[in-house]
C-alpha atoms as a PDB file:
ATOM      1  CA  MET A   1      23.349  32.683 -39.808  1.00  0.00           C
ATOM      2  CA  SER A   2      23.040  29.154 -38.462  1.00  0.00           C
ATOM      3  CA  LEU A   3      22.024  28.257 -34.930  1.00  0.00           C
ATOM      4  CA  ASP A   4      25.498  26.802 -34.294  1.00  0.00           C
ATOM      5  CA  ASN A   5      27.170  30.110 -35.189  1.00  0.00           C
ATOM      6  CA  VAL A   6      24.796  32.015 -32.895  1.00  0.00           C
ATOM      7  CA  ASN A   7      25.499  29.658 -29.999  1.00  0.00           C
ATOM      8  CA  HIS A   8      29.234  29.896 -30.641  1.00  0.00           C
ATOM      9  CA  ASP A   9      29.135  33.716 -30.679  1.00  0.00           C
ATOM     10  CA  GLU A  10      27.122  33.778 -27.467  1.00  0.00           C
ATOM     11  CA  ALA A  11      29.543  31.369 -25.805  1.00  0.00           C
ATOM     12  CA  VAL A  12      32.534  33.518 -26.851  1.00  0.00           C
ATOM     13  CA  ARG A  13      30.775  36.678 -25.629  1.00  0.00           C
ATOM     14  CA  PHE A  14      29.911  35.044 -22.321  1.00  0.00           C
ATOM     15  CA  GLY A  15      33.486  33.775 -21.903  1.00  0.00           C
ATOM     16  CA  ASN A  16      34.898  37.251 -22.544  1.00  0.00           C
ATOM     17  CA  GLU A  17      32.504  38.758 -20.020  1.00  0.00           C
ATOM     18  CA  VAL A  18      33.580  36.212 -17.400  1.00  0.00           C
ATOM     19  CA  LEU A  19      37.253  36.976 -18.070  1.00  0.00           C
ATOM     20  CA  ARG A  20      36.642  40.727 -17.782  1.00  0.00           C
ATOM     21  CA  ALA A  21      34.699  40.224 -14.552  1.00  0.00           C
ATOM     22  CA  ASN A  22      37.497  38.092 -13.111  1.00  0.00           C
ATOM     23  CA  ARG A  23      40.090  40.716 -14.061  1.00  0.00           C
ATOM     24  CA  ARG A  24      38.032  43.492 -12.463  1.00  0.00           C
ATOM     25  CA  ARG A  25      37.578  41.424  -9.320  1.00  0.00           C
ATOM     26  CA  LYS A  26      41.297  40.672  -9.152  1.00  0.00           C
ATOM     27  CA  ILE A  27      42.139  44.378  -9.530  1.00  0.00           C
ATOM     28  CA  LEU A  28      39.592  45.276  -6.842  1.00  0.00           C
ATOM     29  CA  TYR A  29      41.024  42.721  -4.422  1.00  0.00           C
ATOM     30  CA  ARG A  30      44.550  43.964  -5.119  1.00  0.00           C
ATOM     31  CA  ILE A  31      43.487  47.588  -4.476  1.00  0.00           C
ATOM     32  CA  LEU A  32      41.823  46.561  -1.217  1.00  0.00           C
ATOM     33  CA  SER A  33      44.893  44.642  -0.075  1.00  0.00           C
ATOM     34  CA  ILE A  34      47.117  47.662  -0.777  1.00  0.00           C
ATOM     35  CA  THR A  35      44.857  50.385   0.658  1.00  0.00           C
ATOM     36  CA  MET A  36      43.888  48.601   3.877  1.00  0.00           C
ATOM     37  CA  PRO A  37      47.293  49.127   5.566  1.00  0.00           C
ATOM     38  CA  PHE A  38      47.108  52.857   4.778  1.00  0.00           C
ATOM     39  CA  ILE A  39      43.633  53.057   6.327  1.00  0.00           C
ATOM     40  CA  LEU A  40      44.972  51.428   9.491  1.00  0.00           C
ATOM     41  CA  LEU A  41      47.897  53.889   9.552  1.00  0.00           C
ATOM     42  CA  LEU A  42      45.495  56.831   9.268  1.00  0.00           C
ATOM     43  CA  PHE A  43      43.433  55.429  12.126  1.00  0.00           C
ATOM     44  CA  TRP A  44      46.611  54.974  14.193  1.00  0.00           C
ATOM     45  CA  GLU A  45      47.695  58.579  13.480  1.00  0.00           C
ATOM     46  CA  LEU A  46      44.278  59.879  14.513  1.00  0.00           C
ATOM     47  CA  LEU A  47      44.314  57.970  17.804  1.00  0.00           C
ATOM     48  CA  ALA A  48      47.833  59.235  18.564  1.00  0.00           C
ATOM     49  CA  ARG A  49      46.974  62.869  17.846  1.00  0.00           C
ATOM     50  CA  LEU A  50      43.845  62.631  19.994  1.00  0.00           C
ATOM     51  CA  GLY A  51      45.964  61.264  22.830  1.00  0.00           C
ATOM     52  CA  TRP A  52      44.028  58.016  23.062  1.00  0.00           C
ATOM     53  CA  ILE A  53      47.192  55.905  22.797  1.00  0.00           C
ATOM     54  CA  ASP A  54      50.567  56.378  24.496  1.00  0.00           C
ATOM     55  CA  THR A  55      52.998  57.708  21.878  1.00  0.00           C
ATOM     56  CA  ARG A  56      55.952  56.621  24.008  1.00  0.00           C
ATOM     57  CA  PHE A  57      55.146  53.082  22.904  1.00  0.00           C
ATOM     58  CA  PHE A  58      52.995  53.672  19.815  1.00  0.00           C
ATOM     59  CA  ALA A  59      54.758  56.452  17.915  1.00  0.00           C
ATOM     60  CA  MET A  60      52.765  58.432  15.371  1.00  0.00           C
ATOM     61  CA  PRO A  61      53.102  57.116  11.816  1.00  0.00           C
ATOM     62  CA  THR A  62      54.171  60.594  10.636  1.00  0.00           C
ATOM     63  CA  GLN A  63      57.097  60.550  13.102  1.00  0.00           C
ATOM     64  CA  ILE A  64      57.992  57.038  12.000  1.00  0.00           C
ATOM     65  CA  ALA A  65      57.908  58.204   8.361  1.00  0.00           C
ATOM     66  CA  ILE A  66      60.359  61.044   9.180  1.00  0.00           C
ATOM     67  CA  VAL A  67      62.805  58.609  10.789  1.00  0.00           C
ATOM     68  CA  PHE A  68      62.239  56.191   7.881  1.00  0.00           C
ATOM     69  CA  TRP A  69      63.283  58.867   5.410  1.00  0.00           C
ATOM     70  CA  LYS A  70      66.351  59.852   7.459  1.00  0.00           C
ATOM     71  CA  LEU A  71      67.524  56.228   7.530  1.00  0.00           C
ATOM     72  CA  ILE A  72      67.071  56.032   3.753  1.00  0.00           C
ATOM     73  CA  GLU A  73      68.997  59.278   3.231  1.00  0.00           C
ATOM     74  CA  ASN A  74      71.998  58.235   5.311  1.00  0.00           C
ATOM     75  CA  GLY A  75      72.070  54.794   3.640  1.00  0.00           C
ATOM     76  CA  GLN A  76      71.735  52.796   6.864  1.00  0.00           C
ATOM     77  CA  LEU A  77      68.347  51.289   6.013  1.00  0.00           C
ATOM     78  CA  LEU A  78      69.376  50.209   2.517  1.00  0.00           C
ATOM     79  CA  ASN A  79      72.546  48.649   3.909  1.00  0.00           C
ATOM     80  CA  ASP A  80      70.652  46.732   6.617  1.00  0.00           C
ATOM     81  CA  VAL A  81      67.975  45.530   4.183  1.00  0.00           C
ATOM     82  CA  THR A  82      70.596  44.380   1.661  1.00  0.00           C
ATOM     83  CA  ILE A  83      72.520  42.446   4.312  1.00  0.00           C
ATOM     84  CA  SER A  84      69.410  40.780   5.747  1.00  0.00           C
ATOM     85  CA  LEU A  85      68.109  39.878   2.276  1.00  0.00           C
ATOM     86  CA  SER A  86      71.436  38.327   1.266  1.00  0.00           C
ATOM     87  CA  ARG A  87      71.429  36.222   4.441  1.00  0.00           C
ATOM     88  CA  LEU A  88      67.824  35.234   3.795  1.00  0.00           C
ATOM     89  CA  LEU A  89      68.352  34.195   0.185  1.00  0.00           C
ATOM     90  CA  ILE A  90      71.544  32.226   0.853  1.00  0.00           C
ATOM     91  CA  GLY A  91      70.078  30.465   3.888  1.00  0.00           C
ATOM     92  CA  PHE A  92      66.809  29.773   2.045  1.00  0.00           C
ATOM     93  CA  ALA A  93      68.667  28.206  -0.885  1.00  0.00           C
ATOM     94  CA  LEU A  94      70.872  26.115   1.407  1.00  0.00           C
ATOM     95  CA  GLY A  95      67.840  24.709   3.209  1.00  0.00           C
ATOM     96  CA  GLY A  96      65.175  24.877   0.533  1.00  0.00           C
ATOM     97  CA  ILE A  97      66.821  22.914  -2.267  1.00  0.00           C
ATOM     98  CA  PRO A  98      67.704  19.905  -0.045  1.00  0.00           C
ATOM     99  CA  GLY A  99      64.262  20.188   1.572  1.00  0.00           C
ATOM    100  CA  LEU A 100      62.531  19.870  -1.797  1.00  0.00           C
ATOM    101  CA  ILE A 101      64.686  16.927  -2.869  1.00  0.00           C
ATOM    102  CA  VAL A 102      64.289  15.064   0.428  1.00  0.00           C
ATOM    103  CA  GLY A 103      60.538  15.773   0.472  1.00  0.00           C
ATOM    104  CA  ILE A 104      60.054  14.329  -3.013  1.00  0.00           C
ATOM    105  CA  LEU A 105      62.087  11.244  -2.109  1.00  0.00           C
ATOM    106  CA  LEU A 106      60.061  10.771   1.080  1.00  0.00           C
ATOM    107  CA  GLY A 107      56.814  11.101  -0.821  1.00  0.00           C
ATOM    108  CA  GLN A 108      57.748   8.686  -3.604  1.00  0.00           C
ATOM    109  CA  SER A 109      59.721   6.012  -1.750  1.00  0.00           C
ATOM    110  CA  SER A 110      58.244   4.102   1.176  1.00  0.00           C
ATOM    111  CA  VAL A 111      61.714   2.738   2.019  1.00  0.00           C
ATOM    112  CA  ILE A 112      63.266   6.206   2.312  1.00  0.00           C
ATOM    113  CA  ARG A 113      60.194   7.370   4.219  1.00  0.00           C
ATOM    114  CA  ALA A 114      60.591   4.505   6.706  1.00  0.00           C
ATOM    115  CA  LEU A 115      64.260   5.408   7.199  1.00  0.00           C
ATOM    116  CA  LEU A 116      64.147   9.200   7.394  1.00  0.00           C
ATOM    117  CA  TYR A 117      60.661  10.322   8.400  1.00  0.00           C
ATOM    118  CA  PRO A 118      60.925   9.269  12.093  1.00  0.00           C
ATOM    119  CA  ILE A 119      64.050  11.434  12.410  1.00  0.00           C
ATOM    120  CA  ILE A 120      62.399  14.394  10.680  1.00  0.00           C
ATOM    121  CA  ALA A 121      59.235  13.975  12.750  1.00  0.00           C
ATOM    122  CA  ALA A 122      61.308  14.039  15.940  1.00  0.00           C
ATOM    123  CA  ILE A 123      63.354  17.125  15.039  1.00  0.00           C
ATOM    124  CA  TYR A 124      60.630  19.127  13.259  1.00  0.00           C
ATOM    125  CA  PRO A 125      58.741  20.261  16.414  1.00  0.00           C
ATOM    126  CA  ILE A 126      61.892  21.690  18.040  1.00  0.00           C
ATOM    127  CA  PRO A 127      61.765  25.523  17.871  1.00  0.00           C
ATOM    128  CA  LYS A 128      64.585  26.292  15.466  1.00  0.00           C
ATOM    129  CA  ILE A 129      65.530  29.474  17.285  1.00  0.00           C
ATOM    130  CA  ALA A 130      66.351  27.251  20.293  1.00  0.00           C
ATOM    131  CA  VAL A 131      69.180  25.763  18.197  1.00  0.00           C
ATOM    132  CA  LEU A 132      70.781  29.205  17.671  1.00  0.00           C
ATOM    133  CA  PRO A 133      73.023  29.076  20.796  1.00  0.00           C
ATOM    134  CA  LEU A 134      74.442  25.749  19.612  1.00  0.00           C
ATOM    135  CA  LEU A 135      75.024  27.149  16.122  1.00  0.00           C
ATOM    136  CA  LEU A 136      76.796  30.161  17.623  1.00  0.00           C
ATOM    137  CA  PHE A 137      79.081  27.744  19.485  1.00  0.00           C
ATOM    138  CA  ILE A 138      79.810  25.831  16.282  1.00  0.00           C
ATOM    139  CA  PHE A 139      80.033  28.643  13.714  1.00  0.00           C
ATOM    140  CA  GLY A 140      80.673  31.701  15.870  1.00  0.00           C
ATOM    141  CA  LEU A 141      79.134  35.139  15.350  1.00  0.00           C
ATOM    142  CA  GLY A 142      79.897  35.231  11.621  1.00  0.00           C
ATOM    143  CA  GLU A 143      77.608  34.779   8.652  1.00  0.00           C
ATOM    144  CA  ALA A 144      77.645  30.967   8.769  1.00  0.00           C
ATOM    145  CA  SER A 145      75.471  30.826  11.900  1.00  0.00           C
ATOM    146  CA  LYS A 146      72.806  33.003  10.224  1.00  0.00           C
ATOM    147  CA  TYR A 147      72.811  30.868   7.089  1.00  0.00           C
ATOM    148  CA  ALA A 148      72.602  27.700   9.176  1.00  0.00           C
ATOM    149  CA  ILE A 149      69.638  28.753  11.345  1.00  0.00           C
ATOM    150  CA  ILE A 150      67.620  29.802   8.270  1.00  0.00           C
ATOM    151  CA  ALA A 151      68.576  26.661   6.342  1.00  0.00           C
ATOM    152  CA  ILE A 152      67.524  24.397   9.227  1.00  0.00           C
ATOM    153  CA  GLY A 153      64.163  26.123   9.632  1.00  0.00           C
ATOM    154  CA  VAL A 154      63.419  26.130   5.912  1.00  0.00           C
ATOM    155  CA  PHE A 155      64.574  22.546   5.325  1.00  0.00           C
ATOM    156  CA  PHE A 156      62.060  20.872   7.642  1.00  0.00           C
ATOM    157  CA  ILE A 157      59.061  22.940   6.520  1.00  0.00           C
ATOM    158  CA  LEU A 158      59.723  22.274   2.842  1.00  0.00           C
ATOM    159  CA  ALA A 159      60.590  18.611   3.367  1.00  0.00           C
ATOM    160  CA  VAL A 160      57.325  17.907   5.198  1.00  0.00           C
ATOM    161  CA  ASN A 161      55.135  19.931   2.816  1.00  0.00           C
ATOM    162  CA  THR A 162      56.772  18.502  -0.294  1.00  0.00           C
ATOM    163  CA  MET A 163      56.420  14.963   1.058  1.00  0.00           C
ATOM    164  CA  THR A 164      52.725  15.605   1.719  1.00  0.00           C
ATOM    165  CA  GLY A 165      52.200  16.937  -1.803  1.00  0.00           C
ATOM    166  CA  ALA A 166      54.058  14.051  -3.434  1.00  0.00           C
ATOM    167  CA  MET A 167      52.150  11.458  -1.395  1.00  0.00           C
ATOM    168  CA  ASN A 168      48.739  12.937  -2.163  1.00  0.00           C
ATOM    169  CA  VAL A 169      48.950  12.675  -5.953  1.00  0.00           C
ATOM    170  CA  PRO A 170      45.674  10.976  -6.992  1.00  0.00           C
ATOM    171  CA  ALA A 171      46.328   7.346  -7.928  1.00  0.00           C
ATOM    172  CA  ILE A 172      44.219   7.716 -11.078  1.00  0.00           C
ATOM    173  CA  TYR A 173      46.764  10.211 -12.460  1.00  0.00           C
ATOM    174  CA  LEU A 174      49.573   7.696 -12.016  1.00  0.00           C
ATOM    175  CA  GLU A 175      47.511   4.892 -13.547  1.00  0.00           C
ATOM    176  CA  VAL A 176      46.696   6.974 -16.622  1.00  0.00           C
ATOM    177  CA  GLY A 177      50.387   7.748 -17.083  1.00  0.00           C
ATOM    178  CA  LYS A 178      51.255   4.057 -16.882  1.00  0.00           C
ATOM    179  CA  GLU A 179      48.486   3.143 -19.318  1.00  0.00           C
ATOM    180  CA  PHE A 180      49.960   5.527 -21.880  1.00  0.00           C
ATOM    181  CA  GLY A 181      53.338   3.846 -21.478  1.00  0.00           C
ATOM    182  CA  ALA A 182      55.069   6.773 -19.801  1.00  0.00           C
ATOM    183  CA  SER A 183      58.355   6.008 -18.091  1.00  0.00           C
ATOM    184  CA  ARG A 184      58.806   6.512 -14.364  1.00  0.00           C
ATOM    185  CA  LEU A 185      60.815   9.653 -14.968  1.00  0.00           C
ATOM    186  CA  THR A 186      58.183  11.044 -17.325  1.00  0.00           C
ATOM    187  CA  ILE A 187      55.399  10.334 -14.813  1.00  0.00           C
ATOM    188  CA  PHE A 188      57.440  11.988 -12.101  1.00  0.00           C
ATOM    189  CA  ARG A 189      58.120  15.073 -14.244  1.00  0.00           C
ATOM    190  CA  THR A 190      54.679  15.478 -15.851  1.00  0.00           C
ATOM    191  CA  VAL A 191      52.341  14.082 -13.172  1.00  0.00           C
ATOM    192  CA  VAL A 192      53.866  14.006  -9.701  1.00  0.00           C
ATOM    193  CA  ILE A 193      55.575  17.409  -9.727  1.00  0.00           C
ATOM    194  CA  PRO A 194      52.599  19.385 -11.190  1.00  0.00           C
ATOM    195  CA  ALA A 195      50.155  17.655  -8.822  1.00  0.00           C
ATOM    196  CA  ALA A 196      52.374  18.365  -5.802  1.00  0.00           C
ATOM    197  CA  LEU A 197      53.155  21.993  -6.723  1.00  0.00           C
ATOM    198  CA  PRO A 198      50.194  23.581  -4.861  1.00  0.00           C
ATOM    199  CA  VAL A 199      51.311  22.037  -1.566  1.00  0.00           C
ATOM    200  CA  ILE A 200      54.946  22.815  -2.358  1.00  0.00           C
ATOM    201  CA  PHE A 201      54.092  26.480  -2.924  1.00  0.00           C
ATOM    202  CA  ALA A 202      52.230  26.548   0.389  1.00  0.00           C
ATOM    203  CA  GLY A 203      55.375  25.171   2.002  1.00  0.00           C
ATOM    204  CA  ILE A 204      57.574  27.773   0.306  1.00  0.00           C
ATOM    205  CA  LYS A 205      55.363  30.577   1.657  1.00  0.00           C
ATOM    206  CA  LEU A 206      55.428  29.123   5.172  1.00  0.00           C
ATOM    207  CA  ALA A 207      59.185  28.611   4.946  1.00  0.00           C
ATOM    208  CA  TRP A 208      59.770  32.192   3.795  1.00  0.00           C
ATOM    209  CA  GLY A 209      57.755  33.549   6.737  1.00  0.00           C
ATOM    210  CA  SER A 210      59.738  31.336   9.091  1.00  0.00           C
ATOM    211  CA  ALA A 211      62.998  32.499   7.489  1.00  0.00           C
ATOM    212  CA  LEU A 212      62.081  36.151   8.136  1.00  0.00           C
ATOM    213  CA  LEU A 213      61.380  35.350  11.782  1.00  0.00           C
ATOM    214  CA  LEU A 214      64.633  33.422  12.167  1.00  0.00           C
ATOM    215  CA  ILE A 215      66.899  36.007  10.542  1.00  0.00           C
ATOM    216  CA  VAL A 216      65.541  38.803  12.711  1.00  0.00           C
ATOM    217  CA  SER A 217      65.968  36.673  15.828  1.00  0.00           C
ATOM    218  CA  ALA A 218      69.509  35.692  14.824  1.00  0.00           C
ATOM    219  CA  GLU A 219      70.439  39.320  14.151  1.00  0.00           C
ATOM    220  CA  PHE A 220      69.225  40.315  17.612  1.00  0.00           C
ATOM    221  CA  VAL A 221      72.113  38.566  19.321  1.00  0.00           C
ATOM    222  CA  GLY A 222      74.670  37.576  16.721  1.00  0.00           C
ATOM    223  CA  ALA A 223      75.073  40.489  14.302  1.00  0.00           C
ATOM    224  CA  LYS A 224      76.235  44.068  13.994  1.00  0.00           C
ATOM    225  CA  SER A 225      74.111  44.779  10.934  1.00  0.00           C
ATOM    226  CA  GLY A 226      70.776  43.842   9.409  1.00  0.00           C
ATOM    227  CA  ILE A 227      67.151  44.613  10.189  1.00  0.00           C
ATOM    228  CA  GLY A 228      67.186  42.544  13.384  1.00  0.00           C
ATOM    229  CA  HIS A 229      70.197  44.470  14.662  1.00  0.00           C
ATOM    230  CA  LEU A 230      68.462  47.750  13.755  1.00  0.00           C
ATOM    231  CA  ILE A 231      65.415  46.769  15.834  1.00  0.00           C
ATOM    232  CA  TRP A 232      67.500  45.518  18.772  1.00  0.00           C
ATOM    233  CA  SER A 233      69.810  48.545  18.895  1.00  0.00           C
ATOM    234  CA  SER A 234      66.763  50.841  18.704  1.00  0.00           C
ATOM    235  CA  TRP A 235      65.248  49.076  21.704  1.00  0.00           C
ATOM    236  CA  GLN A 236      68.477  49.490  23.664  1.00  0.00           C
ATOM    237  CA  VAL A 237      68.376  53.282  23.301  1.00  0.00           C
ATOM    238  CA  PHE A 238      64.549  53.456  23.421  1.00  0.00           C
ATOM    239  CA  SER A 239      64.307  54.843  19.902  1.00  0.00           C
ATOM    240  CA  VAL A 240      60.720  53.740  19.347  1.00  0.00           C
ATOM    241  CA  GLU A 241      60.336  55.340  15.919  1.00  0.00           C
ATOM    242  CA  GLN A 242      63.441  53.602  14.581  1.00  0.00           C
ATOM    243  CA  MET A 243      62.297  50.323  16.059  1.00  0.00           C
ATOM    244  CA  TYR A 244      58.984  50.643  14.200  1.00  0.00           C
ATOM    245  CA  VAL A 245      60.902  51.348  10.993  1.00  0.00           C
ATOM    246  CA  GLY A 246      62.561  47.953  11.319  1.00  0.00           C
ATOM    247  CA  LEU A 247      59.233  46.254  11.988  1.00  0.00           C
ATOM    248  CA  ILE A 248      57.613  47.958   9.008  1.00  0.00           C
ATOM    249  CA  VAL A 249      60.477  46.949   6.718  1.00  0.00           C
ATOM    250  CA  ILE A 250      60.058  43.309   7.756  1.00  0.00           C
ATOM    251  CA  ALA A 251      56.318  43.569   7.067  1.00  0.00           C
ATOM    252  CA  ILE A 252      56.955  45.128   3.637  1.00  0.00           C
ATOM    253  CA  LEU A 253      59.481  42.436   2.727  1.00  0.00           C
ATOM    254  CA  GLY A 254      57.040  39.720   3.724  1.00  0.00           C
ATOM    255  CA  PHE A 255      54.155  41.337   1.840  1.00  0.00           C
ATOM    256  CA  ILE A 256      56.103  41.896  -1.388  1.00  0.00           C
ATOM    257  CA  THR A 257      57.644  38.420  -1.440  1.00  0.00           C
ATOM    258  CA  LEU A 258      54.287  36.746  -0.835  1.00  0.00           C
ATOM    259  CA  LEU A 259      52.761  38.772  -3.677  1.00  0.00           C
ATOM    260  CA  LEU A 260      55.593  37.673  -5.962  1.00  0.00           C
ATOM    261  CA  LEU A 261      55.125  34.049  -4.920  1.00  0.00           C
ATOM    262  CA  ASP A 262      51.386  34.322  -5.598  1.00  0.00           C
ATOM    263  CA  GLU A 263      52.083  35.657  -9.084  1.00  0.00           C
ATOM    264  CA  LEU A 264      54.642  32.921  -9.747  1.00  0.00           C
ATOM    265  CA  GLU A 265      52.174  30.298  -8.543  1.00  0.00           C
ATOM    266  CA  ALA A 266      49.498  31.689 -10.853  1.00  0.00           C
ATOM    267  CA  LYS A 267      51.902  31.466 -13.813  1.00  0.00           C
ATOM    268  CA  LEU A 268      53.096  27.947 -13.027  1.00  0.00           C
ATOM    269  CA  LEU A 269      49.668  26.619 -12.034  1.00  0.00           C
ATOM    270  CA  PRO A 270      47.262  28.176 -14.559  1.00  0.00           C
ATOM    271  CA  TRP A 271      44.723  25.386 -14.039  1.00  0.00           C
ATOM    272  CA  ARG A 272      44.092  26.474 -10.445  1.00  0.00           C
ATOM    273  CA  LYS A 273      41.671  29.227  -9.503  1.00  0.00           C
ATOM    274  CA  HIS A 274      43.466  32.359  -8.296  1.00  0.00           C
ATOM    275  CA  VAL A 275      41.575  35.344  -6.969  1.00  0.00           C
END
C-alpha cells in the first residue's frame, strides 16, 4: 500500500470521526435545550409545594397541566391556537414579503436607499403596538386590524435586516462574478442573495418574535378569540392557571418555530457552521 493511500485513508477516517463528533454534540445540545425547561418546571413545583412562593400568583405546574389538559379536551385551546396562528401567518406574509423586496432594493440601489431609507428610519423606532388604536379606528375590531399590526411590525424589521445583508456582500464576490461574465441578474441570484441570507434569517427570527408579541397584544383588546384573548379573559376572572396556559402556549410556539427556522437555515446555508 502506497503512502498516498495511507494518508487518504487516515484523512477519510479523521473526517468521519469529526462528523460523528459533530452529530453527537448537536444531539447533546438539542437534549439540553429540551430538558432544561422541564428542570425549571420541577424546581418551580418544588418551591410551590414547600410554600416558598405564593401560589396565588405562581400556580404549581401540576395545576397548570390539569387546566391545560381540560382546555385541550373541550377544544378551546386548539381553537385559540389555530386562530392566532392563522392571524400570525397571514400578517407575517403581508409584511414579510414586501419587507424582503424593499430591503433588497434598498441594499442594491443607492437611489432607492436615498429616497426611502429616511422614511423607514423615522418610522422604525415607533413602537408598533402604539399604532394599534389608529388601526382599530381604520379597520375596526375585525381581522384586518390584527393582520395590519403584524404586517407593519414585520415589514420594518425585515426591510432593515435585508438591506443590511444586501449591503454587506463582500465586494470581492461581486468582482469575481463580473470577471466571469455573469449578468446582473445572475450575480444577484447566485451571489447577493446567498451572501445576505444569514442576516435575512436573523431578521426573520426577530420578526417572528415581534409578530408573536404583537398578536397577543392585539388580541388583548380587539378580539374575542385567540391566545391573547385567553390570557386577558383569564386575568379578568383571576384564573391564574389558565393565564399560565396561554403564556406557555406562546412560549411553545416561539420555541418550535425558531427550531424549524434553525433547521431551514442549516439546509439552505450548508456552508455555515451550525451547532
